[in-house]
C-alpha cells in the first residue's frame, strides 16, 4: 500500500514562481535578457534623437549624455543639432562605427538565431504573449504608482 505524501505548507511569499534561486526569477531573467538585447540592437540605430536613445535604453538624460560622450571620444558616434529643432541632438554612427556594425551584423543575426534555438513557433508565440501580459501589468502598476505619487502633496 503506497503512503500518501503530505504536502508541506508553503511559507508565505513562496509560490509557483519561486524556485529558491534568485537568478531564476522570471522578472530577473526578463530584465537581464532585455538588457542584453538592448546592448546588442541599440548599436544598429542611427540618426536617432539623443532623448529617443535614452528612452529606448531606459537611461536618464545625463547618463545617456555621458555614455555618448564616451562613444564620441572613441570615434564611434557624433552628435548634431536637429535641423528643425536645434534644442535636440541627433546621434549618428561614424564611418568607423558603421564598419564595426557591418562586421558584427552577421554575428548579431547568428546570435539572434541561437537565442531562439530549440524553441518551436508555438513556444515563441506563447513567450510573446506572456511578455506582452507582463508588460501590460507592469505599465498598470507604474500608472498606479504615479497616480499615488501625484495625489500626495509634499510637506511645506
N, C-alpha and C. Protein backbone atom coordinates (compact mmCIF):
# COMPACT_ATOMS: atom_id res chain seq x y z
N UNK A 1 0.84 -1.18 0.00
CA UNK A 1 0.00 0.00 0.00
C UNK A 1 0.89 1.24 0.00
N UNK A 2 0.69 2.12 -0.96
CA UNK A 2 1.51 3.32 -1.07
C UNK A 2 1.11 4.35 -0.04
N UNK A 3 2.10 4.96 0.54
CA UNK A 3 1.83 6.01 1.52
C UNK A 3 1.55 7.31 0.78
N UNK A 4 0.59 8.04 1.27
CA UNK A 4 0.32 9.37 0.72
C UNK A 4 1.31 10.35 1.33
N UNK A 5 2.02 11.02 0.46
CA UNK A 5 2.95 12.03 0.97
C UNK A 5 2.17 13.29 1.30
N UNK A 6 2.40 13.79 2.48
CA UNK A 6 1.73 15.03 2.87
C UNK A 6 2.48 16.20 2.24
N UNK A 7 1.71 17.10 1.67
CA UNK A 7 2.34 18.29 1.09
C UNK A 7 2.70 19.24 2.22
N UNK A 8 3.91 19.74 2.14
CA UNK A 8 4.34 20.71 3.14
C UNK A 8 3.69 22.04 2.81
N UNK A 9 3.19 22.74 3.84
CA UNK A 9 2.63 24.06 3.55
C UNK A 9 3.73 25.00 3.08
N UNK A 10 3.42 25.78 2.06
CA UNK A 10 4.41 26.72 1.52
C UNK A 10 4.50 27.93 2.44
N UNK A 11 5.72 28.37 2.76
CA UNK A 11 5.85 29.57 3.57
C UNK A 11 5.31 30.77 2.79
N UNK A 12 4.84 31.75 3.55
CA UNK A 12 4.30 32.93 2.89
C UNK A 12 5.37 33.56 2.01
N UNK A 13 4.98 34.01 0.83
CA UNK A 13 5.93 34.61 -0.10
C UNK A 13 6.51 33.60 -1.06
N UNK A 14 6.22 32.34 -0.87
CA UNK A 14 6.68 31.30 -1.79
C UNK A 14 5.49 30.83 -2.60
N UNK A 15 5.62 30.87 -3.88
CA UNK A 15 4.52 30.44 -4.73
C UNK A 15 5.04 29.68 -5.91
N UNK A 16 4.22 29.59 -6.92
CA UNK A 16 4.55 28.81 -8.11
C UNK A 16 5.81 29.33 -8.81
N UNK A 17 6.06 30.63 -8.69
CA UNK A 17 7.21 31.20 -9.39
C UNK A 17 8.51 31.05 -8.62
N UNK A 18 8.45 30.68 -7.36
CA UNK A 18 9.64 30.60 -6.53
C UNK A 18 10.37 29.27 -6.71
N UNK A 19 11.66 29.35 -6.98
CA UNK A 19 12.47 28.15 -7.14
C UNK A 19 13.57 28.08 -6.09
N UNK A 20 13.71 29.13 -5.32
CA UNK A 20 14.78 29.18 -4.33
C UNK A 20 16.06 29.79 -4.88
N UNK A 21 16.07 30.09 -6.15
CA UNK A 21 17.25 30.69 -6.77
C UNK A 21 16.89 32.10 -7.23
N UNK A 22 17.65 33.10 -6.76
CA UNK A 22 17.34 34.47 -7.13
C UNK A 22 17.58 34.73 -8.62
N UNK A 23 18.51 34.00 -9.23
CA UNK A 23 18.79 34.22 -10.65
C UNK A 23 17.83 33.45 -11.55
N UNK A 24 16.83 32.81 -10.97
CA UNK A 24 15.85 32.06 -11.74
C UNK A 24 14.48 32.75 -11.74
N UNK A 25 14.38 33.88 -11.07
CA UNK A 25 13.11 34.61 -11.01
C UNK A 25 12.78 35.15 -12.40
N UNK A 26 11.54 34.95 -12.86
CA UNK A 26 11.18 35.42 -14.20
C UNK A 26 11.49 36.90 -14.42
N UNK A 27 11.18 37.75 -13.46
CA UNK A 27 11.44 39.18 -13.63
C UNK A 27 12.93 39.45 -13.83
N UNK A 28 13.76 38.75 -13.08
CA UNK A 28 15.20 38.94 -13.22
C UNK A 28 15.67 38.46 -14.59
N UNK A 29 15.18 37.31 -15.01
CA UNK A 29 15.56 36.78 -16.33
C UNK A 29 15.11 37.72 -17.45
N UNK A 30 13.90 38.25 -17.33
CA UNK A 30 13.40 39.19 -18.33
C UNK A 30 14.28 40.43 -18.37
N UNK A 31 14.60 40.97 -17.20
CA UNK A 31 15.42 42.19 -17.14
C UNK A 31 16.80 41.95 -17.74
N UNK A 32 17.41 40.85 -17.38
CA UNK A 32 18.75 40.56 -17.90
C UNK A 32 18.72 40.35 -19.40
N UNK A 33 17.72 39.62 -19.88
CA UNK A 33 17.59 39.39 -21.32
C UNK A 33 17.34 40.70 -22.05
N UNK A 34 16.46 41.53 -21.50
CA UNK A 34 16.16 42.82 -22.13
C UNK A 34 17.41 43.69 -22.21
N UNK A 35 18.19 43.69 -21.14
CA UNK A 35 19.42 44.50 -21.13
C UNK A 35 20.39 44.01 -22.21
N UNK A 36 20.55 42.70 -22.30
CA UNK A 36 21.46 42.15 -23.30
C UNK A 36 20.98 42.43 -24.72
N UNK A 37 19.68 42.28 -24.95
CA UNK A 37 19.14 42.57 -26.28
C UNK A 37 19.28 44.06 -26.61
N UNK A 38 19.07 44.91 -25.61
CA UNK A 38 19.23 46.35 -25.82
C UNK A 38 20.66 46.67 -26.25
N UNK A 39 21.61 46.10 -25.54
CA UNK A 39 23.02 46.32 -25.87
C UNK A 39 23.30 45.85 -27.29
N UNK A 40 22.75 44.69 -27.62
CA UNK A 40 23.01 44.10 -28.94
C UNK A 40 22.42 44.94 -30.06
N UNK A 41 21.16 45.38 -29.91
CA UNK A 41 20.47 46.02 -31.02
C UNK A 41 20.53 47.54 -31.02
N UNK A 42 20.89 48.17 -29.92
CA UNK A 42 20.94 49.64 -29.89
C UNK A 42 22.02 50.14 -30.85
N UNK A 43 23.00 49.32 -31.09
CA UNK A 43 24.10 49.72 -31.96
C UNK A 43 23.67 49.85 -33.42
N UNK A 44 22.50 49.35 -33.73
CA UNK A 44 22.04 49.39 -35.12
C UNK A 44 21.21 50.64 -35.42
N UNK A 45 20.97 51.48 -34.43
CA UNK A 45 20.15 52.68 -34.65
C UNK A 45 21.06 53.85 -35.01
N UNK A 46 20.67 54.60 -36.04
CA UNK A 46 21.48 55.73 -36.48
C UNK A 46 20.56 56.92 -36.73
N UNK A 47 21.02 58.11 -36.39
CA UNK A 47 20.25 59.32 -36.62
C UNK A 47 19.11 59.50 -35.64
N UNK A 48 19.15 58.82 -34.53
CA UNK A 48 18.10 58.93 -33.52
C UNK A 48 18.36 60.16 -32.65
N UNK A 49 17.28 60.68 -32.09
CA UNK A 49 17.45 61.74 -31.11
C UNK A 49 18.10 61.14 -29.88
N UNK A 50 18.92 61.95 -29.24
CA UNK A 50 19.57 61.52 -28.01
C UNK A 50 18.51 61.11 -26.99
N UNK A 51 17.41 61.84 -26.92
CA UNK A 51 16.34 61.52 -25.97
C UNK A 51 15.68 60.19 -26.31
N UNK A 52 15.55 59.85 -27.61
CA UNK A 52 14.98 58.57 -28.01
C UNK A 52 15.89 57.41 -27.60
N UNK A 53 17.19 57.62 -27.75
CA UNK A 53 18.13 56.59 -27.32
C UNK A 53 18.05 56.38 -25.81
N UNK A 54 17.92 57.48 -25.07
CA UNK A 54 17.79 57.37 -23.62
C UNK A 54 16.53 56.60 -23.25
N UNK A 55 15.43 56.94 -23.90
CA UNK A 55 14.16 56.26 -23.60
C UNK A 55 14.22 54.79 -24.00
N UNK A 56 14.81 54.51 -25.15
CA UNK A 56 14.87 53.12 -25.63
C UNK A 56 15.72 52.24 -24.74
N UNK A 57 16.67 52.83 -24.04
CA UNK A 57 17.56 52.06 -23.18
C UNK A 57 17.26 52.27 -21.69
N UNK A 58 16.16 52.97 -21.40
CA UNK A 58 15.75 53.25 -20.02
C UNK A 58 16.88 53.91 -19.23
N UNK A 59 17.46 54.89 -19.83
CA UNK A 59 18.52 55.67 -19.18
C UNK A 59 18.02 57.09 -18.98
N UNK A 60 18.54 57.74 -17.96
CA UNK A 60 18.18 59.14 -17.80
C UNK A 60 19.06 59.98 -18.72
N UNK A 61 18.65 61.20 -18.96
CA UNK A 61 19.35 62.03 -19.94
C UNK A 61 20.82 62.28 -19.59
N UNK A 62 21.14 62.60 -18.33
CA UNK A 62 22.56 62.82 -18.01
C UNK A 62 23.41 61.56 -18.25
N UNK A 63 22.88 60.40 -17.90
CA UNK A 63 23.61 59.15 -18.09
C UNK A 63 23.82 58.89 -19.58
N UNK A 64 22.77 59.10 -20.40
CA UNK A 64 22.90 58.90 -21.84
C UNK A 64 23.91 59.86 -22.42
N UNK A 65 23.90 61.09 -21.95
CA UNK A 65 24.87 62.07 -22.44
C UNK A 65 26.30 61.63 -22.13
N UNK A 66 26.49 61.10 -20.94
CA UNK A 66 27.82 60.59 -20.53
C UNK A 66 28.23 59.41 -21.39
N UNK A 67 27.31 58.49 -21.65
CA UNK A 67 27.60 57.33 -22.49
C UNK A 67 27.99 57.78 -23.90
N UNK A 68 27.21 58.70 -24.46
CA UNK A 68 27.50 59.19 -25.81
C UNK A 68 28.82 59.94 -25.85
N UNK A 69 29.14 60.68 -24.80
CA UNK A 69 30.43 61.38 -24.76
C UNK A 69 31.58 60.37 -24.81
N UNK A 70 31.43 59.27 -24.10
CA UNK A 70 32.45 58.22 -24.15
C UNK A 70 32.55 57.61 -25.53
N UNK A 71 31.42 57.40 -26.17
CA UNK A 71 31.43 56.85 -27.53
C UNK A 71 32.02 57.83 -28.51
N UNK A 72 31.77 59.12 -28.30
CA UNK A 72 32.37 60.14 -29.15
C UNK A 72 33.90 60.15 -29.00
N UNK A 73 34.36 60.00 -27.78
CA UNK A 73 35.81 60.01 -27.55
C UNK A 73 36.50 58.82 -28.20
N UNK A 74 35.74 57.75 -28.45
CA UNK A 74 36.28 56.57 -29.14
C UNK A 74 35.93 56.60 -30.63
N UNK A 75 35.46 57.73 -31.11
CA UNK A 75 35.11 57.93 -32.53
C UNK A 75 34.09 56.91 -33.04
N UNK A 76 33.08 56.63 -32.20
CA UNK A 76 32.02 55.71 -32.62
C UNK A 76 30.75 56.45 -33.04
N UNK A 77 30.50 57.60 -32.43
CA UNK A 77 29.31 58.39 -32.76
C UNK A 77 29.67 59.87 -32.80
N UNK A 78 28.79 60.64 -33.45
CA UNK A 78 28.87 62.10 -33.35
C UNK A 78 27.45 62.63 -33.23
N UNK A 79 27.34 63.79 -32.57
CA UNK A 79 26.03 64.40 -32.35
C UNK A 79 25.94 65.68 -33.16
N UNK A 80 24.75 65.90 -33.73
CA UNK A 80 24.47 67.12 -34.49
C UNK A 80 23.11 67.65 -34.06
N UNK A 81 23.00 68.99 -33.98
CA UNK A 81 21.68 69.55 -33.67
C UNK A 81 20.69 69.21 -34.79
N UNK A 82 19.44 68.99 -34.42
CA UNK A 82 18.39 68.71 -35.39
C UNK A 82 18.15 69.96 -36.23
N UNK A 83 17.90 69.78 -37.53
CA UNK A 83 17.70 70.93 -38.43
C UNK A 83 16.44 71.71 -38.08
N UNK A 84 15.41 71.01 -37.60
CA UNK A 84 14.13 71.68 -37.31
C UNK A 84 14.04 72.17 -35.87
N UNK A 85 14.69 71.50 -34.96
CA UNK A 85 14.65 71.86 -33.55
C UNK A 85 16.06 71.80 -32.99
N UNK A 86 16.73 72.93 -32.96
CA UNK A 86 18.15 72.98 -32.59
C UNK A 86 18.38 72.61 -31.12
N UNK A 87 17.31 72.51 -30.33
CA UNK A 87 17.47 72.09 -28.93
C UNK A 87 17.73 70.59 -28.84
N UNK A 88 17.35 69.87 -29.87
CA UNK A 88 17.51 68.42 -29.88
C UNK A 88 18.75 68.03 -30.66
N UNK A 89 19.39 66.96 -30.19
CA UNK A 89 20.57 66.43 -30.90
C UNK A 89 20.21 65.09 -31.51
N UNK A 90 20.72 64.87 -32.70
CA UNK A 90 20.62 63.55 -33.33
C UNK A 90 21.99 62.88 -33.20
N UNK A 91 21.96 61.59 -33.07
CA UNK A 91 23.19 60.81 -32.87
C UNK A 91 23.40 59.95 -34.11
N UNK A 92 24.60 60.02 -34.64
CA UNK A 92 24.94 59.28 -35.86
C UNK A 92 26.18 58.43 -35.61
N UNK A 93 26.24 57.33 -36.32
CA UNK A 93 27.44 56.49 -36.28
C UNK A 93 28.52 57.10 -37.16
N UNK A 94 29.75 56.99 -36.73
CA UNK A 94 30.88 57.43 -37.55
C UNK A 94 31.15 56.35 -38.60
N UNK A 95 31.93 56.68 -39.63
CA UNK A 95 32.30 55.63 -40.59
C UNK A 95 32.96 54.42 -39.92
N UNK A 96 33.78 54.67 -38.90
CA UNK A 96 34.43 53.57 -38.19
C UNK A 96 33.38 52.68 -37.51
N UNK A 97 32.38 53.31 -36.91
CA UNK A 97 31.33 52.54 -36.25
C UNK A 97 30.49 51.79 -37.26
N UNK A 98 30.24 52.40 -38.43
CA UNK A 98 29.48 51.71 -39.48
C UNK A 98 30.22 50.44 -39.92
N UNK A 99 31.55 50.54 -40.04
CA UNK A 99 32.34 49.35 -40.40
C UNK A 99 32.22 48.29 -39.31
N UNK A 100 32.24 48.73 -38.08
CA UNK A 100 32.11 47.80 -36.96
C UNK A 100 30.73 47.13 -36.99
N UNK A 101 29.68 47.91 -37.23
CA UNK A 101 28.33 47.36 -37.31
C UNK A 101 28.23 46.38 -38.48
N UNK A 102 28.79 46.77 -39.63
CA UNK A 102 28.74 45.88 -40.80
C UNK A 102 29.47 44.57 -40.51
N UNK A 103 30.57 44.67 -39.79
CA UNK A 103 31.34 43.46 -39.48
C UNK A 103 30.63 42.59 -38.45
N UNK A 104 29.85 43.21 -37.57
CA UNK A 104 29.21 42.44 -36.50
C UNK A 104 27.76 42.04 -36.81
N UNK A 105 27.18 42.60 -37.88
CA UNK A 105 25.79 42.27 -38.21
C UNK A 105 25.58 40.78 -38.46
N UNK A 106 26.44 40.12 -39.22
CA UNK A 106 26.25 38.67 -39.39
C UNK A 106 26.33 37.93 -38.05
N UNK A 107 27.21 38.37 -37.19
CA UNK A 107 27.32 37.76 -35.86
C UNK A 107 26.03 38.00 -35.08
N UNK A 108 25.50 39.21 -35.17
CA UNK A 108 24.25 39.52 -34.47
C UNK A 108 23.11 38.63 -34.97
N UNK A 109 23.04 38.43 -36.28
CA UNK A 109 21.99 37.57 -36.86
C UNK A 109 22.15 36.13 -36.38
N UNK A 110 23.38 35.65 -36.39
CA UNK A 110 23.62 34.28 -35.91
C UNK A 110 23.29 34.16 -34.42
N UNK A 111 23.65 35.20 -33.67
CA UNK A 111 23.38 35.20 -32.24
C UNK A 111 21.88 35.22 -31.99
N UNK A 112 21.15 36.05 -32.74
CA UNK A 112 19.69 36.10 -32.61
C UNK A 112 19.10 34.72 -32.87
N UNK A 113 19.56 34.07 -33.93
CA UNK A 113 19.05 32.74 -34.25
C UNK A 113 19.35 31.76 -33.13
N UNK A 114 20.53 31.89 -32.53
CA UNK A 114 20.90 30.99 -31.43
C UNK A 114 20.05 31.25 -30.19
N UNK A 115 19.66 32.52 -29.98
CA UNK A 115 18.84 32.85 -28.81
C UNK A 115 17.53 32.08 -28.81
N UNK A 116 16.98 31.86 -30.00
CA UNK A 116 15.69 31.20 -30.11
C UNK A 116 15.80 29.74 -30.53
N UNK A 117 17.03 29.25 -30.59
CA UNK A 117 17.27 27.86 -30.98
C UNK A 117 16.55 26.92 -30.02
N UNK A 118 15.91 25.91 -30.58
CA UNK A 118 15.23 24.92 -29.76
C UNK A 118 13.81 25.30 -29.38
N UNK A 119 13.40 26.51 -29.71
CA UNK A 119 12.02 26.92 -29.43
C UNK A 119 11.18 26.73 -30.68
N UNK A 120 10.03 26.14 -30.48
CA UNK A 120 9.11 25.96 -31.60
C UNK A 120 8.29 27.25 -31.77
N UNK A 121 7.67 27.39 -32.95
CA UNK A 121 6.86 28.58 -33.21
C UNK A 121 5.79 28.77 -32.14
N UNK A 122 5.19 27.68 -31.71
CA UNK A 122 4.16 27.72 -30.69
C UNK A 122 4.73 28.28 -29.37
N UNK A 123 5.94 27.87 -29.04
CA UNK A 123 6.57 28.34 -27.81
C UNK A 123 6.93 29.82 -27.91
N UNK A 124 7.42 30.24 -29.07
CA UNK A 124 7.73 31.66 -29.26
C UNK A 124 6.46 32.51 -29.17
N UNK A 125 5.36 32.00 -29.72
CA UNK A 125 4.09 32.71 -29.65
C UNK A 125 3.65 32.85 -28.18
N UNK A 126 3.79 31.77 -27.42
CA UNK A 126 3.42 31.80 -26.00
C UNK A 126 4.33 32.76 -25.23
N UNK A 127 5.62 32.77 -25.58
CA UNK A 127 6.56 33.68 -24.93
C UNK A 127 6.18 35.13 -25.20
N UNK A 128 5.89 35.44 -26.46
CA UNK A 128 5.48 36.80 -26.81
C UNK A 128 4.23 37.21 -26.04
N UNK A 129 3.27 36.31 -25.99
CA UNK A 129 2.01 36.59 -25.29
C UNK A 129 2.26 36.85 -23.81
N UNK A 130 3.07 36.00 -23.19
CA UNK A 130 3.37 36.15 -21.76
C UNK A 130 4.10 37.46 -21.50
N UNK A 131 5.07 37.80 -22.34
CA UNK A 131 5.82 39.03 -22.14
C UNK A 131 4.94 40.26 -22.35
N UNK A 132 4.04 40.20 -23.31
CA UNK A 132 3.10 41.32 -23.51
C UNK A 132 2.21 41.49 -22.28
N UNK A 133 1.77 40.39 -21.69
CA UNK A 133 0.93 40.48 -20.50
C UNK A 133 1.71 41.05 -19.33
N UNK A 134 2.95 40.61 -19.16
CA UNK A 134 3.80 41.14 -18.08
C UNK A 134 4.04 42.62 -18.30
N UNK A 135 4.28 43.02 -19.54
CA UNK A 135 4.48 44.44 -19.85
C UNK A 135 3.22 45.24 -19.50
N UNK A 136 2.07 44.74 -19.89
CA UNK A 136 0.81 45.42 -19.59
C UNK A 136 0.60 45.55 -18.08
N UNK A 137 0.86 44.48 -17.36
CA UNK A 137 0.72 44.51 -15.90
C UNK A 137 1.69 45.51 -15.28
N UNK A 138 2.92 45.54 -15.78
CA UNK A 138 3.93 46.45 -15.26
C UNK A 138 3.53 47.90 -15.51
N UNK A 139 3.03 48.19 -16.70
CA UNK A 139 2.58 49.55 -17.01
C UNK A 139 1.42 49.96 -16.11
N UNK A 140 0.52 49.02 -15.83
CA UNK A 140 -0.60 49.32 -14.94
C UNK A 140 -0.11 49.64 -13.53
N UNK A 141 0.84 48.86 -13.02
CA UNK A 141 1.39 49.13 -11.70
C UNK A 141 2.09 50.47 -11.67
N UNK A 142 2.87 50.78 -12.72
CA UNK A 142 3.54 52.08 -12.79
C UNK A 142 2.54 53.23 -12.80
N UNK A 143 1.46 53.08 -13.55
CA UNK A 143 0.43 54.12 -13.60
C UNK A 143 -0.19 54.32 -12.22
N UNK A 144 -0.44 53.22 -11.52
CA UNK A 144 -0.98 53.32 -10.16
C UNK A 144 -0.02 54.04 -9.23
N UNK A 145 1.26 53.73 -9.35
CA UNK A 145 2.27 54.39 -8.52
C UNK A 145 2.33 55.88 -8.83
N UNK A 146 2.27 56.22 -10.11
CA UNK A 146 2.30 57.63 -10.49
C UNK A 146 1.08 58.37 -9.98
N UNK A 147 -0.09 57.74 -10.05
CA UNK A 147 -1.31 58.37 -9.54
C UNK A 147 -1.22 58.57 -8.04
N UNK A 148 -0.66 57.59 -7.36
CA UNK A 148 -0.49 57.72 -5.90
C UNK A 148 0.48 58.82 -5.55
N UNK A 149 1.55 58.95 -6.32
CA UNK A 149 2.55 60.00 -6.07
C UNK A 149 1.97 61.38 -6.35
N UNK A 150 1.12 61.47 -7.38
CA UNK A 150 0.51 62.76 -7.72
C UNK A 150 -0.49 63.19 -6.68
N UNK A 151 -1.17 62.24 -6.02
CA UNK A 151 -2.19 62.59 -5.05
C UNK A 151 -1.58 63.03 -3.72
N UNK A 152 -0.35 62.64 -3.49
CA UNK A 152 0.33 63.06 -2.26
C UNK A 152 0.97 64.41 -2.48
N UNK A 153 0.73 65.33 -1.58
CA UNK A 153 1.35 66.65 -1.69
C UNK A 153 2.53 66.69 -0.75
N UNK A 154 3.65 67.20 -1.22
CA UNK A 154 4.83 67.26 -0.36
C UNK A 154 4.62 68.26 0.78
N UNK A 155 5.19 67.94 1.95
CA UNK A 155 5.06 68.88 3.07
C UNK A 155 5.81 70.17 2.80
N UNK A 156 5.28 71.24 3.34
CA UNK A 156 5.94 72.56 3.15
C UNK A 156 6.53 73.04 4.42
